C-alpha atoms as a PDB file:
ATOM      1  CA  MET A   1      93.574 128.210 110.466  1.00  0.00           C
ATOM      2  CA  CYS A   2      91.601 129.658 107.603  1.00  0.00           C
ATOM      3  CA  ALA A   3      91.743 133.289 106.551  1.00  0.00           C
ATOM      4  CA  ALA A   4      89.685 135.790 108.466  1.00  0.00           C
ATOM      5  CA  THR A   5      87.499 136.804 105.534  1.00  0.00           C
ATOM      6  CA  SER A   6      84.006 135.379 105.393  1.00  0.00           C
ATOM      7  CA  ALA A   7      82.243 133.743 102.453  1.00  0.00           C
ATOM      8  CA  GLY A   8      79.170 135.867 103.082  1.00  0.00           C
ATOM      9  CA  SER A   9      78.655 139.353 104.446  1.00  0.00           C
ATOM     10  CA  THR A  10      75.306 138.613 106.084  1.00  0.00           C
ATOM     11  CA  SER A  11      74.101 135.697 108.146  1.00  0.00           C
ATOM     12  CA  ARG A  12      71.511 133.292 106.722  1.00  0.00           C
ATOM     13  CA  ARG A  13      68.291 133.550 108.748  1.00  0.00           C
ATOM     14  CA  GLU A  14      65.978 131.259 106.746  1.00  0.00           C
ATOM     15  CA  PRO A  15      65.593 127.669 107.981  1.00  0.00           C
ATOM     16  CA  LEU A  16      67.580 125.091 106.066  1.00  0.00           C
ATOM     17  CA  PRO A  17      65.590 122.980 103.581  1.00  0.00           C
ATOM     18  CA  ASP A  18      65.188 119.294 104.351  1.00  0.00           C
ATOM     19  CA  ASN A  19      67.428 118.363 101.415  1.00  0.00           C
ATOM     20  CA  ALA A  20      70.289 120.679 102.425  1.00  0.00           C
ATOM     21  CA  PRO A  21      73.648 118.859 102.065  1.00  0.00           C
ATOM     22  CA  HIS A  22      74.830 117.559 105.431  1.00  0.00           C
ATOM     23  CA  ILE A  23      78.544 117.935 106.184  1.00  0.00           C
ATOM     24  CA  LEU A  24      80.490 116.195 108.932  1.00  0.00           C
ATOM     25  CA  LEU A  25      83.172 118.670 110.055  1.00  0.00           C
ATOM     26  CA  VAL A  26      86.061 116.956 111.854  1.00  0.00           C
ATOM     27  CA  ASP A  27      88.762 119.208 113.338  1.00  0.00           C
ATOM     28  CA  ASP A  28      90.352 119.291 116.790  1.00  0.00           C
ATOM     29  CA  ASP A  29      90.649 123.107 116.722  1.00  0.00           C
ATOM     30  CA  GLN A  30      87.451 124.518 118.227  1.00  0.00           C
ATOM     31  CA  ARG A  31      87.994 127.963 116.677  1.00  0.00           C
ATOM     32  CA  ILE A  32      88.181 126.484 113.179  1.00  0.00           C
ATOM     33  CA  ARG A  33      85.135 124.288 113.820  1.00  0.00           C
ATOM     34  CA  GLU A  34      83.082 127.268 114.944  1.00  0.00           C
ATOM     35  CA  LEU A  35      84.194 129.495 112.068  1.00  0.00           C
ATOM     36  CA  LEU A  36      83.648 126.854 109.395  1.00  0.00           C
ATOM     37  CA  ALA A  37      80.315 125.792 110.868  1.00  0.00           C
ATOM     38  CA  ARG A  38      79.111 129.399 110.656  1.00  0.00           C
ATOM     39  CA  VAL A  39      80.388 129.882 107.092  1.00  0.00           C
ATOM     40  CA  LEU A  40      78.885 126.593 105.897  1.00  0.00           C
ATOM     41  CA  ASP A  41      75.576 127.357 107.592  1.00  0.00           C
ATOM     42  CA  GLU A  42      75.429 130.750 105.875  1.00  0.00           C
ATOM     43  CA  GLN A  43      75.962 128.996 102.549  1.00  0.00           C
ATOM     44  CA  GLY A  44      73.057 126.597 103.058  1.00  0.00           C
ATOM     45  CA  PHE A  45      74.815 123.507 104.425  1.00  0.00           C
ATOM     46  CA  ARG A  46      73.758 121.481 107.431  1.00  0.00           C
ATOM     47  CA  VAL A  47      76.806 120.913 109.681  1.00  0.00           C
ATOM     48  CA  THR A  48      77.619 118.430 112.431  1.00  0.00           C
ATOM     49  CA  PRO A  49      80.955 119.234 114.154  1.00  0.00           C
ATOM     50  CA  ALA A  50      83.258 116.639 115.696  1.00  0.00           C
ATOM     51  CA  GLY A  51      86.456 117.314 117.647  1.00  0.00           C
ATOM     52  CA  ASP A  52      88.119 113.996 116.857  1.00  0.00           C
ATOM     53  CA  VAL A  53      87.657 110.764 114.937  1.00  0.00           C
ATOM     54  CA  ALA A  54      85.895 109.039 117.853  1.00  0.00           C
ATOM     55  CA  ALA A  55      83.218 111.767 117.859  1.00  0.00           C
ATOM     56  CA  ALA A  56      82.982 111.542 114.070  1.00  0.00           C
ATOM     57  CA  ARG A  57      82.415 107.779 114.212  1.00  0.00           C
ATOM     58  CA  ALA A  58      79.697 108.274 116.823  1.00  0.00           C
ATOM     59  CA  ALA A  59      77.953 110.870 114.642  1.00  0.00           C
ATOM     60  CA  MET A  60      78.047 108.585 111.608  1.00  0.00           C
ATOM     61  CA  ARG A  61      76.334 105.786 113.523  1.00  0.00           C
ATOM     62  CA  SER A  62      73.156 107.856 113.790  1.00  0.00           C
ATOM     63  CA  LEU A  63      73.324 110.358 110.903  1.00  0.00           C
ATOM     64  CA  ALA A  64      73.857 110.227 107.135  1.00  0.00           C
ATOM     65  CA  PHE A  65      76.287 112.710 105.616  1.00  0.00           C
ATOM     66  CA  ASP A  66      76.870 113.983 102.089  1.00  0.00           C
ATOM     67  CA  LEU A  67      80.523 114.956 102.646  1.00  0.00           C
ATOM     68  CA  VAL A  68      83.237 114.796 105.312  1.00  0.00           C
ATOM     69  CA  LEU A  69      85.406 117.885 105.845  1.00  0.00           C
ATOM     70  CA  LEU A  70      88.402 116.382 107.607  1.00  0.00           C
ATOM     71  CA  ASP A  71      91.525 117.786 109.261  1.00  0.00           C
ATOM     72  CA  VAL A  72      94.696 115.724 108.831  1.00  0.00           C
ATOM     73  CA  MET A  73      96.598 116.282 112.090  1.00  0.00           C
ATOM     74  CA  MET A  74      94.496 115.263 115.099  1.00  0.00           C
ATOM     75  CA  PRO A  75      95.262 113.470 118.367  1.00  0.00           C
ATOM     76  CA  GLY A  76      94.607 109.747 118.346  1.00  0.00           C
ATOM     77  CA  THR A  77      93.452 108.527 114.946  1.00  0.00           C
ATOM     78  CA  THR A  78      94.681 110.907 112.237  1.00  0.00           C
ATOM     79  CA  GLY A  79      92.576 112.282 109.427  1.00  0.00           C
ATOM     80  CA  LEU A  80      94.442 110.161 106.877  1.00  0.00           C
ATOM     81  CA  GLU A  81      93.776 107.000 108.842  1.00  0.00           C
ATOM     82  CA  PHE A  82      90.095 107.896 109.147  1.00  0.00           C
ATOM     83  CA  ALA A  83      89.902 108.711 105.428  1.00  0.00           C
ATOM     84  CA  ARG A  84      91.252 105.272 104.534  1.00  0.00           C
ATOM     85  CA  GLU A  85      88.800 103.682 106.944  1.00  0.00           C
ATOM     86  CA  LEU A  86      85.838 105.538 105.449  1.00  0.00           C
ATOM     87  CA  LYS A  87      86.785 104.895 101.824  1.00  0.00           C
ATOM     88  CA  ALA A  88      87.068 101.162 102.573  1.00  0.00           C
ATOM     89  CA  GLN A  89      83.517 101.176 103.955  1.00  0.00           C
ATOM     90  CA  MET A  90      81.517 103.603 101.793  1.00  0.00           C
ATOM     91  CA  PRO A  91      81.805 105.950  98.772  1.00  0.00           C
ATOM     92  CA  ILE A  92      81.439 109.170 100.785  1.00  0.00           C
ATOM     93  CA  PRO A  93      83.211 112.300  99.458  1.00  0.00           C
ATOM     94  CA  ILE A  94      86.049 113.622 101.628  1.00  0.00           C
ATOM     95  CA  CYS A  95      87.714 117.043 101.550  1.00  0.00           C
ATOM     96  CA  MET A  96      90.852 117.232 103.672  1.00  0.00           C
ATOM     97  CA  LEU A  97      92.138 120.308 105.504  1.00  0.00           C
ATOM     98  CA  THR A  98      95.778 120.533 106.480  1.00  0.00           C
ATOM     99  CA  ALA A  99      98.597 122.887 107.346  1.00  0.00           C
ATOM    100  CA  ARG A 100     101.025 120.508 105.635  1.00  0.00           C
ATOM    101  CA  SER A 101     101.684 121.818 102.137  1.00  0.00           C
ATOM    102  CA  GLU A 102     104.382 119.420 100.940  1.00  0.00           C
ATOM    103  CA  THR A 103     103.573 117.621  97.693  1.00  0.00           C
ATOM    104  CA  GLU A 104     104.240 114.242  99.305  1.00  0.00           C
ATOM    105  CA  ASP A 105     101.612 114.955 101.956  1.00  0.00           C
ATOM    106  CA  LYS A 106      99.025 115.816  99.327  1.00  0.00           C
ATOM    107  CA  ILE A 107      99.852 112.712  97.312  1.00  0.00           C
ATOM    108  CA  GLU A 108      99.429 110.611 100.456  1.00  0.00           C
ATOM    109  CA  GLY A 109      95.978 112.122 100.967  1.00  0.00           C
ATOM    110  CA  LEU A 110      94.932 111.535  97.365  1.00  0.00           C
ATOM    111  CA  GLU A 111      96.214 107.964  97.540  1.00  0.00           C
ATOM    112  CA  ALA A 112      93.992 107.488 100.588  1.00  0.00           C
ATOM    113  CA  GLY A 113      91.056 108.245  98.301  1.00  0.00           C
ATOM    114  CA  VAL A 114      90.170 111.812  99.337  1.00  0.00           C
ATOM    115  CA  ASP A 115      88.372 113.909  96.739  1.00  0.00           C
ATOM    116  CA  ASP A 116      90.123 117.219  97.374  1.00  0.00           C
ATOM    117  CA  TYR A 117      92.911 118.618  99.519  1.00  0.00           C
ATOM    118  CA  VAL A 118      92.865 122.199 100.860  1.00  0.00           C
ATOM    119  CA  THR A 119      95.921 123.720 102.529  1.00  0.00           C
ATOM    120  CA  LYS A 120      95.591 126.100 105.493  1.00  0.00           C
ATOM    121  CA  PRO A 121      95.331 129.044 105.493  1.00  0.00           C
ATOM    122  CA  PHE A 122      92.554 129.177 102.892  1.00  0.00           C
ATOM    123  CA  GLU A 123      89.800 131.545 101.871  1.00  0.00           C
ATOM    124  CA  PRO A 124      86.348 130.320 102.984  1.00  0.00           C
ATOM    125  CA  ARG A 125      84.946 131.232  99.560  1.00  0.00           C
ATOM    126  CA  GLU A 126      87.415 128.906  97.845  1.00  0.00           C
ATOM    127  CA  LEU A 127      86.566 126.103 100.256  1.00  0.00           C
ATOM    128  CA  ILE A 128      82.840 126.545  99.567  1.00  0.00           C
ATOM    129  CA  LEU A 129      83.487 126.323  95.821  1.00  0.00           C
ATOM    130  CA  ARG A 130      85.524 123.169  96.267  1.00  0.00           C
ATOM    131  CA  ILE A 131      82.815 121.554  98.416  1.00  0.00           C
ATOM    132  CA  LYS A 132      80.136 122.407  95.864  1.00  0.00           C
ATOM    133  CA  ASN A 133      82.246 120.951  93.077  1.00  0.00           C
ATOM    134  CA  ILE A 134      82.824 117.716  94.988  1.00  0.00           C
ATOM    135  CA  LEU A 135      79.090 117.348  95.617  1.00  0.00           C
ATOM    136  CA  ARG A 136      78.301 118.196  91.988  1.00  0.00           C
ATOM    137  CA  ARG A 137      80.733 115.576  90.724  1.00  0.00           C
ATOM    138  CA  GLY A 138      78.946 113.033  92.860  1.00  0.00           C
ATOM    139  CA  SER A 139      75.650 113.835  91.147  1.00  0.00           C
ATOM    140  CA  GLY A 140      77.064 113.808  87.604  1.00  0.00           C
ATOM    141  CA  THR A 141      78.822 116.297  85.337  1.00  0.00           C
ATOM    142  CA  PRO A 142      76.980 118.847  83.181  1.00  0.00           C
ATOM    143  CA  GLY A 143      75.443 117.645  79.931  1.00  0.00           C
ATOM    144  CA  PRO A 144      75.236 119.503  76.578  1.00  0.00           C
ATOM    145  CA  GLY A 145      71.967 121.171  77.535  1.00  0.00           C
ATOM    146  CA  ASP A 146      73.173 122.244  80.961  1.00  0.00           C
ATOM    147  CA  GLU A 147      74.505 125.509  82.298  1.00  0.00           C
ATOM    148  CA  ILE A 148      77.342 126.228  84.672  1.00  0.00           C
ATOM    149  CA  ARG A 149      77.527 129.295  86.874  1.00  0.00           C
ATOM    150  CA  MET A 150      80.584 131.296  87.869  1.00  0.00           C
ATOM    151  CA  GLY A 151      79.473 134.158  90.072  1.00  0.00           C
ATOM    152  CA  GLU A 152      77.474 136.551  87.893  1.00  0.00           C
ATOM    153  CA  PHE A 153      78.351 134.611  84.719  1.00  0.00           C
ATOM    154  CA  THR A 154      76.424 131.703  83.163  1.00  0.00           C
ATOM    155  CA  PHE A 155      77.754 129.460  80.390  1.00  0.00           C
ATOM    156  CA  HIS A 156      75.344 127.295  78.380  1.00  0.00           C
ATOM    157  CA  LEU A 157      77.257 124.271  77.110  1.00  0.00           C
ATOM    158  CA  GLY A 158      75.012 123.434  74.162  1.00  0.00           C
ATOM    159  CA  ARG A 159      74.802 126.963  72.759  1.00  0.00           C
ATOM    160  CA  GLY A 160      78.326 127.890  73.788  1.00  0.00           C
ATOM    161  CA  GLU A 161      76.897 131.118  75.157  1.00  0.00           C
ATOM    162  CA  LEU A 162      78.411 133.127  78.000  1.00  0.00           C
ATOM    163  CA  ARG A 163      76.124 135.623  79.705  1.00  0.00           C
ATOM    164  CA  ARG A 164      76.388 138.100  82.535  1.00  0.00           C
ATOM    165  CA  GLY A 165      72.787 138.730  83.482  1.00  0.00           C
ATOM    166  CA  GLU A 166      71.100 139.761  80.229  1.00  0.00           C
ATOM    167  CA  GLU A 167      74.382 140.671  78.547  1.00  0.00           C
ATOM    168  CA  THR A 168      75.967 138.210  76.117  1.00  0.00           C
ATOM    169  CA  ILE A 169      79.758 138.080  76.358  1.00  0.00           C
ATOM    170  CA  LYS A 170      81.497 137.526  73.037  1.00  0.00           C
ATOM    171  CA  LEU A 171      83.650 134.397  72.914  1.00  0.00           C
ATOM    172  CA  THR A 172      86.023 133.050  70.318  1.00  0.00           C
ATOM    173  CA  GLU A 173      85.539 129.452  69.176  1.00  0.00           C
ATOM    174  CA  ARG A 174      88.667 128.505  71.099  1.00  0.00           C
ATOM    175  CA  GLU A 175      87.294 130.073  74.290  1.00  0.00           C
ATOM    176  CA  ARG A 176      84.035 128.139  73.842  1.00  0.00           C
ATOM    177  CA  ASP A 177      85.968 124.910  73.425  1.00  0.00           C
ATOM    178  CA  LEU A 178      87.992 125.611  76.556  1.00  0.00           C
ATOM    179  CA  LEU A 179      84.911 126.397  78.654  1.00  0.00           C
ATOM    180  CA  ARG A 180      83.155 123.232  77.455  1.00  0.00           C
ATOM    181  CA  LEU A 181      86.210 121.167  78.337  1.00  0.00           C
ATOM    182  CA  PHE A 182      86.507 122.713  81.799  1.00  0.00           C
ATOM    183  CA  ALA A 183      82.737 122.412  82.404  1.00  0.00           C
ATOM    184  CA  GLY A 184      82.905 118.688  81.757  1.00  0.00           C
ATOM    185  CA  ARG A 185      85.440 118.272  84.554  1.00  0.00           C
ATOM    186  CA  PRO A 186      84.606 120.920  87.179  1.00  0.00           C
ATOM    187  CA  GLY A 187      87.032 121.090  90.064  1.00  0.00           C
ATOM    188  CA  LEU A 188      89.523 118.753  88.369  1.00  0.00           C
ATOM    189  CA  PRO A 189      92.898 119.981  87.061  1.00  0.00           C
ATOM    190  CA  ILE A 190      93.387 119.700  83.310  1.00  0.00           C
ATOM    191  CA  ALA A 191      96.945 119.563  81.979  1.00  0.00           C
ATOM    192  CA  ARG A 192      98.168 122.093  79.428  1.00  0.00           C
ATOM    193  CA  HIS A 193      98.786 119.424  76.805  1.00  0.00           C
ATOM    194  CA  GLU A 194      95.115 118.388  77.047  1.00  0.00           C
ATOM    195  CA  LEU A 195      94.047 121.986  76.501  1.00  0.00           C
ATOM    196  CA  SER A 196      96.324 122.498  73.493  1.00  0.00           C
ATOM    197  CA  THR A 197      95.412 121.687  69.892  1.00  0.00           C
ATOM    198  CA  ASP A 198      97.422 120.618  66.882  1.00  0.00           C
ATOM    199  CA  ASP A 199      97.247 123.967  65.112  1.00  0.00           C
ATOM    200  CA  ALA A 200      99.853 126.711  65.217  1.00  0.00           C
ATOM    201  CA  THR A 201      98.004 128.569  67.979  1.00  0.00           C
ATOM    202  CA  GLY A 202      97.581 125.536  70.183  1.00  0.00           C
ATOM    203  CA  SER A 203     101.025 125.121  71.688  1.00  0.00           C
ATOM    204  CA  GLU A 204     101.178 124.668  75.443  1.00  0.00           C
ATOM    205  CA  ARG A 205     102.806 128.088  75.753  1.00  0.00           C
ATOM    206  CA  SER A 206      99.858 129.721  73.963  1.00  0.00           C
ATOM    207  CA  ILE A 207      97.447 128.073  76.396  1.00  0.00           C
ATOM    208  CA  ASP A 208      98.624 130.448  79.123  1.00  0.00           C
ATOM    209  CA  VAL A 209      97.767 133.408  76.887  1.00  0.00           C
ATOM    210  CA  GLN A 210      94.327 131.980  76.059  1.00  0.00           C
ATOM    211  CA  ILE A 211      93.603 131.279  79.713  1.00  0.00           C
ATOM    212  CA  ASN A 212      94.494 134.869  80.635  1.00  0.00           C
ATOM    213  CA  ARG A 213      92.139 136.174  77.950  1.00  0.00           C
ATOM    214  CA  LEU A 214      89.348 133.912  79.172  1.00  0.00           C
ATOM    215  CA  ARG A 215      89.910 135.042  82.750  1.00  0.00           C
ATOM    216  CA  ARG A 216      89.358 138.636  81.678  1.00  0.00           C
ATOM    217  CA  LYS A 217      85.883 137.585  80.555  1.00  0.00           C
ATOM    218  CA  ILE A 218      84.764 135.497  83.549  1.00  0.00           C
ATOM    219  CA  GLU A 219      86.693 136.893  86.517  1.00  0.00           C
ATOM    220  CA  SER A 220      86.001 140.144  88.365  1.00  0.00           C
ATOM    221  CA  ASN A 221      89.720 140.290  89.193  1.00  0.00           C
ATOM    222  CA  PRO A 222      91.677 138.328  86.535  1.00  0.00           C
ATOM    223  CA  SER A 223      94.967 138.765  88.400  1.00  0.00           C
ATOM    224  CA  ASN A 224      93.451 136.993  91.416  1.00  0.00           C
ATOM    225  CA  PRO A 225      91.075 134.448  89.853  1.00  0.00           C
ATOM    226  CA  VAL A 226      88.420 132.693  91.890  1.00  0.00           C
ATOM    227  CA  TYR A 227      86.966 130.367  89.249  1.00  0.00           C
ATOM    228  CA  LEU A 228      89.610 129.632  86.595  1.00  0.00           C
ATOM    229  CA  GLN A 229      92.653 128.871  88.718  1.00  0.00           C
ATOM    230  CA  THR A 230      96.161 127.615  88.073  1.00  0.00           C
ATOM    231  CA  ALA A 231      96.799 124.131  89.449  1.00  0.00           C
ATOM    232  CA  ARG A 232     100.518 124.390  90.093  1.00  0.00           C
ATOM    233  CA  GLY A 233     102.406 121.655  88.312  1.00  0.00           C
ATOM    234  CA  LYS A 234      99.174 120.233  86.861  1.00  0.00           C
ATOM    235  CA  GLY A 235      97.601 122.819  84.540  1.00  0.00           C
ATOM    236  CA  TYR A 236      94.340 124.678  85.119  1.00  0.00           C
ATOM    237  CA  VAL A 237      91.105 123.985  86.979  1.00  0.00           C
ATOM    238  CA  LEU A 238      87.648 125.583  86.756  1.00  0.00           C
ATOM    239  CA  PHE A 239      85.555 125.930  89.905  1.00  0.00           C
ATOM    240  CA  THR A 240      81.833 126.588  89.445  1.00  0.00           C
ATOM    241  CA  ASP A 241      79.026 127.681  91.784  1.00  0.00           C
END
C-alpha cells in the first residue's frame, strides 16, 4: 500500500483535456486502486481501473492506453505474466507496483520488459514523477534547445542555465555538465563511473560530493531529495516534472 500522503493538496475540478494521458491501473486491492485513481486524476491523468488481468484485457479491447500501472501479485494471471504478454504484443510502457523488494524480483520484472519498478510503500509524488518520465521517454529525450523542470527550477540545456522563477542560480561548469547528462536520460540511473571525468576532481568518490552540492541547488530538502536521487547499487537518477 502506498504512503498516506497525497501528491496534491487540492482536488482537480477542471475537466480533463482530450489528450490527457490514459492510464490502465491494474491492482487487486480496491483501496489502492481508489487512492491511486484519485491521485492520478488530480495530476491530470485519465484512469481506467481494473481489479485483475481479465478486467485489464477487457478494457484494452475497447480503449487505447498510454501506460499500464501494474501490480505484481494478483490472483490468477500475475502482473509479471501479463507484462510479458503485453510486451510481446505491443510497445506500451509498463510501470510495476510490488511489495516484493528483493533485487531478484526487480530483475525479473525488468527482464519481462517493464519500464520502471516501484516498491510499496511509496510516495504518490515519486510515482507521479516516474510515470511522467516514462511517458516523456516515449516521446523523445530533451534536445539542446529544450528545458527540463524540477519543481520550481528550470534548466535550459543549450544555455546551461538554471533558474528558479526569475532568479538565475549560479552553476559551475561541472554542475552544468552533470545536469546536461542527467537531462539526456531522465528517469534512468547513471553509474558513477559514467559521471566521473579523467581529471583529478573526477574520481568516483568525488562524484558523491558533486552530487550533494548540486542537490543543494535544485532540491528544497537536499537530505531527502525528490528529483536527484540515489539509485542504490547503480549510481544516480534525475526525475523531472
